[in-house]
Amino acid sequence: MKHWTEEFDDDDADEPLVRPYTITGGRTAPERHGLTLITLVATVPEASAQTGRGPGRWQPEHRTILALCRRPTAVAEIASGLGLPVSLTKILIGDLIDAEQVRARPPRVLRGDGGLRDRTILEAVRDGLREL
């Protein structure tokens, strides 16, 4: 039995079978501007029952995001897990936020003494990476 992808010409082998705009319903830019690469996303356990829109009604990529985000996960990690560009991943995450299936929050940054919100270490790392 032939696999369904064997019917395509070899000329198209470098192109994805599903174009990104198909996955997002034609949207090309995320509507939520607060999502960064390090924004943490986590599922809301009780959300499916409240919204009446369970995982069965989502595209496979949405369901994968829900599975990946059982624990808080960074947007960059979600994109990697999906094998999709970050911009496309942000659109899909935005769908799930709008449907109250997931929550997003900025990561907590620790100070040297264990307190929150001191960005000195992260800025030093960022500056060091820029110098490479």
N, C-alpha and C. Protein backbone atom coordinates (compact mmCIF):
# COMPACT_ATOMS: atom_id res chain seq x y z
N MET A 1 0.85 -1.18 0.00
CA MET A 1 0.00 0.00 0.00
C MET A 1 0.89 1.24 0.00
N LYS A 2 0.58 2.19 -0.86
CA LYS A 2 1.35 3.42 -0.96
C LYS A 2 0.95 4.40 0.13
N HIS A 3 1.95 5.13 0.61
CA HIS A 3 1.66 6.23 1.54
C HIS A 3 1.10 7.38 0.73
N TRP A 4 0.18 8.15 1.27
CA TRP A 4 -0.48 9.21 0.51
C TRP A 4 0.48 10.27 0.00
N THR A 5 1.65 10.43 0.64
CA THR A 5 2.60 11.45 0.19
C THR A 5 3.39 11.00 -1.03
N GLU A 6 3.35 9.73 -1.38
CA GLU A 6 4.10 9.22 -2.53
C GLU A 6 3.52 9.71 -3.85
N GLU A 7 2.32 10.26 -3.84
CA GLU A 7 1.69 10.74 -5.06
C GLU A 7 2.23 12.10 -5.49
N PHE A 8 2.95 12.81 -4.60
CA PHE A 8 3.46 14.13 -4.93
C PHE A 8 4.75 14.01 -5.71
N ASP A 9 5.00 14.99 -6.58
CA ASP A 9 6.25 15.03 -7.35
C ASP A 9 7.42 15.27 -6.42
N ASP A 10 8.58 14.78 -6.80
CA ASP A 10 9.79 15.02 -6.02
C ASP A 10 10.19 16.49 -6.04
N ASP A 11 9.73 17.25 -7.05
CA ASP A 11 10.05 18.68 -7.13
C ASP A 11 9.50 19.43 -5.93
N ASP A 12 8.42 18.96 -5.35
CA ASP A 12 7.78 19.62 -4.22
C ASP A 12 8.29 19.12 -2.88
N ALA A 13 9.31 18.28 -2.86
CA ALA A 13 9.77 17.65 -1.62
C ALA A 13 10.28 18.66 -0.61
N ASP A 14 10.82 19.79 -1.06
CA ASP A 14 11.35 20.79 -0.13
C ASP A 14 10.26 21.66 0.48
N GLU A 15 9.08 21.67 -0.09
CA GLU A 15 7.99 22.49 0.41
C GLU A 15 7.12 21.70 1.38
N PRO A 16 6.64 22.35 2.44
CA PRO A 16 5.75 21.63 3.37
C PRO A 16 4.44 21.26 2.68
N LEU A 17 3.84 20.16 3.12
CA LEU A 17 2.59 19.72 2.52
C LEU A 17 1.42 20.63 2.92
N VAL A 18 1.49 21.22 4.10
CA VAL A 18 0.44 22.12 4.56
C VAL A 18 1.06 23.48 4.78
N ARG A 19 0.57 24.46 4.10
CA ARG A 19 1.10 25.80 4.24
C ARG A 19 0.66 26.37 5.60
N PRO A 20 1.53 27.18 6.21
CA PRO A 20 1.20 27.74 7.53
C PRO A 20 -0.11 28.49 7.59
N TYR A 21 -0.45 29.24 6.55
CA TYR A 21 -1.70 30.01 6.60
C TYR A 21 -2.93 29.10 6.61
N THR A 22 -2.77 27.86 6.19
CA THR A 22 -3.88 26.91 6.27
C THR A 22 -4.14 26.53 7.71
N ILE A 23 -3.08 26.33 8.47
CA ILE A 23 -3.20 25.95 9.88
C ILE A 23 -3.86 27.06 10.69
N THR A 24 -3.57 28.32 10.33
CA THR A 24 -4.08 29.46 11.12
C THR A 24 -5.34 30.07 10.52
N GLY A 25 -5.91 29.46 9.52
CA GLY A 25 -7.12 30.00 8.93
C GLY A 25 -6.88 31.30 8.17
N GLY A 26 -5.71 31.44 7.58
CA GLY A 26 -5.40 32.62 6.79
C GLY A 26 -4.72 33.75 7.55
N ARG A 27 -4.59 33.61 8.85
CA ARG A 27 -3.95 34.67 9.64
C ARG A 27 -2.43 34.54 9.51
N THR A 28 -1.77 35.68 9.37
CA THR A 28 -0.32 35.64 9.19
C THR A 28 0.44 36.31 10.31
N ALA A 29 -0.25 37.01 11.19
CA ALA A 29 0.43 37.68 12.31
C ALA A 29 -0.36 37.44 13.59
N PRO A 30 0.35 37.25 14.70
CA PRO A 30 -0.35 37.04 15.97
C PRO A 30 -1.08 38.30 16.41
N GLU A 31 -2.27 38.13 16.97
CA GLU A 31 -3.04 39.26 17.47
C GLU A 31 -2.59 39.67 18.86
N ARG A 32 -1.94 38.77 19.56
CA ARG A 32 -1.45 39.05 20.90
C ARG A 32 0.01 39.45 20.82
N HIS A 33 0.30 40.67 21.26
CA HIS A 33 1.66 41.16 21.17
C HIS A 33 2.45 40.91 22.45
N GLY A 34 1.80 40.41 23.49
CA GLY A 34 2.48 40.16 24.75
C GLY A 34 3.21 38.83 24.82
N LEU A 35 3.07 38.01 23.79
CA LEU A 35 3.74 36.71 23.79
C LEU A 35 5.16 36.87 23.27
N THR A 36 6.13 36.53 24.12
CA THR A 36 7.53 36.56 23.73
C THR A 36 8.05 35.13 23.69
N LEU A 37 9.30 34.96 23.31
CA LEU A 37 9.88 33.62 23.25
C LEU A 37 9.91 32.94 24.62
N ILE A 38 10.03 33.74 25.69
CA ILE A 38 10.15 33.16 27.02
C ILE A 38 8.86 33.24 27.83
N THR A 39 7.77 33.70 27.21
CA THR A 39 6.48 33.69 27.89
C THR A 39 6.11 32.25 28.21
N LEU A 40 5.65 32.02 29.43
CA LEU A 40 5.26 30.66 29.85
C LEU A 40 3.77 30.45 29.61
N VAL A 41 3.44 29.31 29.05
CA VAL A 41 2.06 28.96 28.74
C VAL A 41 1.72 27.67 29.47
N ALA A 42 0.54 27.64 30.10
CA ALA A 42 0.10 26.44 30.82
C ALA A 42 -1.39 26.23 30.59
N THR A 43 -1.79 24.97 30.51
CA THR A 43 -3.20 24.66 30.31
C THR A 43 -4.00 24.99 31.55
N VAL A 44 -5.27 25.26 31.33
CA VAL A 44 -6.21 25.49 32.42
C VAL A 44 -7.04 24.21 32.53
N PRO A 45 -6.84 23.43 33.61
CA PRO A 45 -7.46 22.10 33.69
C PRO A 45 -8.98 22.10 33.54
N GLU A 46 -9.65 23.07 34.11
CA GLU A 46 -11.11 23.06 34.10
C GLU A 46 -11.70 23.75 32.88
N ALA A 47 -10.89 24.23 31.97
CA ALA A 47 -11.36 25.07 30.86
C ALA A 47 -12.27 24.33 29.89
N SER A 48 -11.96 23.10 29.52
CA SER A 48 -12.75 22.39 28.51
C SER A 48 -14.21 22.27 28.92
N ALA A 49 -14.45 21.98 30.18
CA ALA A 49 -15.82 21.83 30.66
C ALA A 49 -16.53 23.18 30.66
N GLN A 50 -15.83 24.25 31.00
CA GLN A 50 -16.45 25.57 31.09
C GLN A 50 -16.81 26.14 29.72
N THR A 51 -15.95 25.97 28.74
CA THR A 51 -16.17 26.59 27.44
C THR A 51 -16.98 25.72 26.50
N GLY A 52 -17.08 24.42 26.81
CA GLY A 52 -17.79 23.52 25.93
C GLY A 52 -17.04 23.25 24.64
N ARG A 53 -15.78 23.63 24.63
CA ARG A 53 -14.97 23.44 23.43
C ARG A 53 -13.76 22.60 23.78
N GLY A 54 -13.95 21.30 23.84
CA GLY A 54 -12.89 20.39 24.26
C GLY A 54 -11.88 20.14 23.17
N PRO A 55 -10.85 19.35 23.48
CA PRO A 55 -9.76 19.07 22.55
C PRO A 55 -10.21 18.44 21.23
N GLY A 56 -11.36 17.79 21.20
CA GLY A 56 -11.83 17.17 19.97
C GLY A 56 -12.16 18.16 18.87
N ARG A 57 -12.37 19.42 19.20
CA ARG A 57 -12.74 20.41 18.20
C ARG A 57 -11.55 21.23 17.71
N TRP A 58 -10.38 20.99 18.25
CA TRP A 58 -9.19 21.74 17.86
C TRP A 58 -8.44 21.04 16.75
N GLN A 59 -7.63 21.81 16.03
CA GLN A 59 -6.73 21.22 15.05
C GLN A 59 -5.65 20.43 15.79
N PRO A 60 -4.96 19.54 15.09
CA PRO A 60 -3.91 18.75 15.76
C PRO A 60 -2.85 19.61 16.44
N GLU A 61 -2.51 20.74 15.84
CA GLU A 61 -1.50 21.62 16.43
C GLU A 61 -1.99 22.21 17.75
N HIS A 62 -3.26 22.56 17.82
CA HIS A 62 -3.83 23.06 19.08
C HIS A 62 -3.77 21.97 20.16
N ARG A 63 -4.13 20.75 19.78
CA ARG A 63 -4.10 19.65 20.75
C ARG A 63 -2.68 19.37 21.22
N THR A 64 -1.71 19.51 20.32
CA THR A 64 -0.32 19.31 20.71
C THR A 64 0.11 20.37 21.71
N ILE A 65 -0.31 21.61 21.48
CA ILE A 65 0.01 22.69 22.43
C ILE A 65 -0.59 22.37 23.80
N LEU A 66 -1.83 21.94 23.83
CA LEU A 66 -2.46 21.59 25.10
C LEU A 66 -1.68 20.48 25.81
N ALA A 67 -1.21 19.51 25.06
CA ALA A 67 -0.44 18.42 25.67
C ALA A 67 0.91 18.91 26.17
N LEU A 68 1.57 19.77 25.40
CA LEU A 68 2.88 20.29 25.80
C LEU A 68 2.81 21.19 27.03
N CYS A 69 1.68 21.83 27.20
CA CYS A 69 1.56 22.85 28.25
C CYS A 69 0.90 22.35 29.53
N ARG A 70 0.93 21.07 29.76
CA ARG A 70 0.41 20.56 31.05
C ARG A 70 1.23 21.14 32.19
N ARG A 71 2.50 21.40 31.92
CA ARG A 71 3.37 22.14 32.84
C ARG A 71 3.74 23.43 32.12
N PRO A 72 4.00 24.52 32.83
CA PRO A 72 4.35 25.77 32.14
C PRO A 72 5.51 25.56 31.17
N THR A 73 5.30 25.99 29.94
CA THR A 73 6.26 25.80 28.86
C THR A 73 6.45 27.10 28.10
N ALA A 74 7.70 27.42 27.75
CA ALA A 74 8.00 28.65 27.02
C ALA A 74 7.51 28.56 25.58
N VAL A 75 7.14 29.70 25.02
CA VAL A 75 6.66 29.76 23.64
C VAL A 75 7.70 29.15 22.69
N ALA A 76 8.98 29.43 22.90
CA ALA A 76 10.03 28.88 22.04
C ALA A 76 10.03 27.35 22.09
N GLU A 77 9.82 26.77 23.27
CA GLU A 77 9.79 25.31 23.39
C GLU A 77 8.56 24.73 22.69
N ILE A 78 7.44 25.43 22.78
CA ILE A 78 6.22 24.97 22.12
C ILE A 78 6.43 24.96 20.60
N ALA A 79 7.02 26.05 20.07
CA ALA A 79 7.29 26.13 18.64
C ALA A 79 8.20 24.99 18.20
N SER A 80 9.20 24.70 19.01
CA SER A 80 10.13 23.61 18.70
C SER A 80 9.40 22.27 18.72
N GLY A 81 8.55 22.08 19.71
CA GLY A 81 7.79 20.84 19.81
C GLY A 81 6.84 20.63 18.64
N LEU A 82 6.31 21.73 18.12
CA LEU A 82 5.41 21.66 16.97
C LEU A 82 6.16 21.56 15.65
N GLY A 83 7.41 22.03 15.65
CA GLY A 83 8.16 22.10 14.41
C GLY A 83 7.64 23.19 13.49
N LEU A 84 7.10 24.26 14.10
CA LEU A 84 6.51 25.37 13.35
C LEU A 84 7.22 26.67 13.70
N PRO A 85 7.13 27.68 12.83
CA PRO A 85 7.71 28.98 13.17
C PRO A 85 7.05 29.59 14.41
N VAL A 86 7.81 30.40 15.12
CA VAL A 86 7.31 31.01 16.34
C VAL A 86 6.09 31.88 16.07
N SER A 87 6.10 32.63 14.97
CA SER A 87 4.96 33.51 14.67
C SER A 87 3.67 32.71 14.50
N LEU A 88 3.76 31.58 13.85
CA LEU A 88 2.60 30.71 13.67
C LEU A 88 2.16 30.11 15.01
N THR A 89 3.13 29.72 15.80
CA THR A 89 2.84 29.16 17.13
C THR A 89 2.13 30.18 18.00
N LYS A 90 2.53 31.44 17.93
CA LYS A 90 1.89 32.50 18.72
C LYS A 90 0.42 32.67 18.33
N ILE A 91 0.12 32.52 17.05
CA ILE A 91 -1.27 32.62 16.60
C ILE A 91 -2.09 31.50 17.22
N LEU A 92 -1.57 30.28 17.19
CA LEU A 92 -2.28 29.13 17.75
C LEU A 92 -2.45 29.26 19.26
N ILE A 93 -1.41 29.73 19.94
CA ILE A 93 -1.51 29.95 21.39
C ILE A 93 -2.57 31.00 21.68
N GLY A 94 -2.60 32.05 20.87
CA GLY A 94 -3.62 33.09 21.03
C GLY A 94 -5.04 32.55 20.92
N ASP A 95 -5.25 31.60 19.99
CA ASP A 95 -6.56 30.95 19.88
C ASP A 95 -6.94 30.28 21.19
N LEU A 96 -5.98 29.57 21.77
CA LEU A 96 -6.24 28.83 23.02
C LEU A 96 -6.42 29.77 24.20
N ILE A 97 -5.73 30.90 24.21
CA ILE A 97 -5.92 31.90 25.27
C ILE A 97 -7.31 32.49 25.16
N ASP A 98 -7.72 32.85 23.94
CA ASP A 98 -9.06 33.41 23.72
C ASP A 98 -10.16 32.44 24.15
N ALA A 99 -9.93 31.15 23.97
CA ALA A 99 -10.91 30.13 24.35
C ALA A 99 -10.75 29.70 25.81
N GLU A 100 -9.86 30.37 26.53
CA GLU A 100 -9.61 30.08 27.95
C GLU A 100 -9.16 28.65 28.20
N GLN A 101 -8.40 28.11 27.24
CA GLN A 101 -7.85 26.77 27.39
C GLN A 101 -6.46 26.80 28.01
N VAL A 102 -5.74 27.92 27.82
CA VAL A 102 -4.42 28.10 28.40
C VAL A 102 -4.29 29.50 28.96
N ARG A 103 -3.30 29.67 29.82
CA ARG A 103 -2.95 30.98 30.36
C ARG A 103 -1.49 31.24 30.03
N ALA A 104 -1.17 32.51 29.79
CA ALA A 104 0.21 32.88 29.51
C ALA A 104 0.65 33.91 30.54
N ARG A 105 1.92 33.80 30.95
CA ARG A 105 2.48 34.77 31.90
C ARG A 105 3.96 34.91 31.62
N PRO A 106 4.50 36.10 31.93
CA PRO A 106 5.95 36.25 31.75
C PRO A 106 6.67 35.39 32.78
N PRO A 107 7.89 34.97 32.47
CA PRO A 107 8.62 34.15 33.43
C PRO A 107 9.04 34.97 34.64
N ARG A 108 9.21 34.32 35.75
CA ARG A 108 9.70 35.00 36.95
C ARG A 108 11.21 35.06 36.87
N VAL A 109 11.74 36.21 37.18
CA VAL A 109 13.18 36.41 37.13
C VAL A 109 13.68 36.55 38.56
N LEU A 110 14.67 35.74 38.92
CA LEU A 110 15.18 35.73 40.29
C LEU A 110 16.33 36.71 40.47
N ARG A 111 16.37 37.35 41.63
CA ARG A 111 17.51 38.17 42.02
C ARG A 111 18.55 37.24 42.62
N GLY A 112 19.72 37.77 42.84
CA GLY A 112 20.79 36.99 43.45
C GLY A 112 20.42 36.45 44.81
N ASP A 113 19.59 37.18 45.56
CA ASP A 113 19.19 36.74 46.90
C ASP A 113 17.91 35.89 46.88
N GLY A 114 17.42 35.52 45.68
CA GLY A 114 16.24 34.68 45.58
C GLY A 114 14.96 35.46 45.40
N GLY A 115 15.03 36.81 45.46
CA GLY A 115 13.84 37.63 45.24
C GLY A 115 13.47 37.67 43.77
N LEU A 116 12.36 38.31 43.46
CA LEU A 116 11.88 38.35 42.09
C LEU A 116 12.15 39.70 41.42
N ARG A 117 12.14 39.68 40.09
CA ARG A 117 12.12 40.85 39.23
C ARG A 117 13.44 41.59 39.04
N ASP A 118 14.58 41.01 39.39
CA ASP A 118 15.86 41.64 39.08
C ASP A 118 16.37 41.01 37.78
N ARG A 119 16.55 41.82 36.77
CA ARG A 119 16.93 41.31 35.46
C ARG A 119 18.43 41.40 35.20
N THR A 120 19.21 41.72 36.21
CA THR A 120 20.64 41.93 36.03
C THR A 120 21.32 40.72 35.40
N ILE A 121 21.04 39.54 35.90
CA ILE A 121 21.68 38.33 35.37
C ILE A 121 21.26 38.07 33.93
N LEU A 122 19.97 38.19 33.66
CA LEU A 122 19.50 37.95 32.30
C LEU A 122 20.05 38.98 31.32
N GLU A 123 20.15 40.22 31.75
CA GLU A 123 20.72 41.24 30.87
C GLU A 123 22.19 40.98 30.60
N ALA A 124 22.91 40.50 31.60
CA ALA A 124 24.32 40.17 31.41
C ALA A 124 24.48 39.01 30.43
N VAL A 125 23.62 38.02 30.53
CA VAL A 125 23.66 36.88 29.60
C VAL A 125 23.32 37.37 28.19
N ARG A 126 22.27 38.19 28.07
CA ARG A 126 21.88 38.73 26.76
C ARG A 126 23.04 39.50 26.13
N ASP A 127 23.66 40.37 26.92
CA ASP A 127 24.77 41.18 26.40
C ASP A 127 25.94 40.29 25.98
N GLY A 128 26.21 39.27 26.76
CA GLY A 128 27.29 38.34 26.42
C GLY A 128 27.00 37.60 25.11
N LEU A 129 25.75 37.20 24.92
CA LEU A 129 25.38 36.51 23.67
C LEU A 129 25.48 37.43 22.48
N ARG A 130 25.14 38.70 22.66
CA ARG A 130 25.24 39.65 21.55
C ARG A 130 26.69 39.85 21.13
N GLU A 131 27.61 39.74 22.07
CA GLU A 131 29.02 39.94 21.76
C GLU A 131 29.64 38.77 21.02
N LEU A 132 28.98 37.63 21.03
CA LEU A 132 29.54 36.44 20.35
C LEU A 132 29.62 36.60 18.86
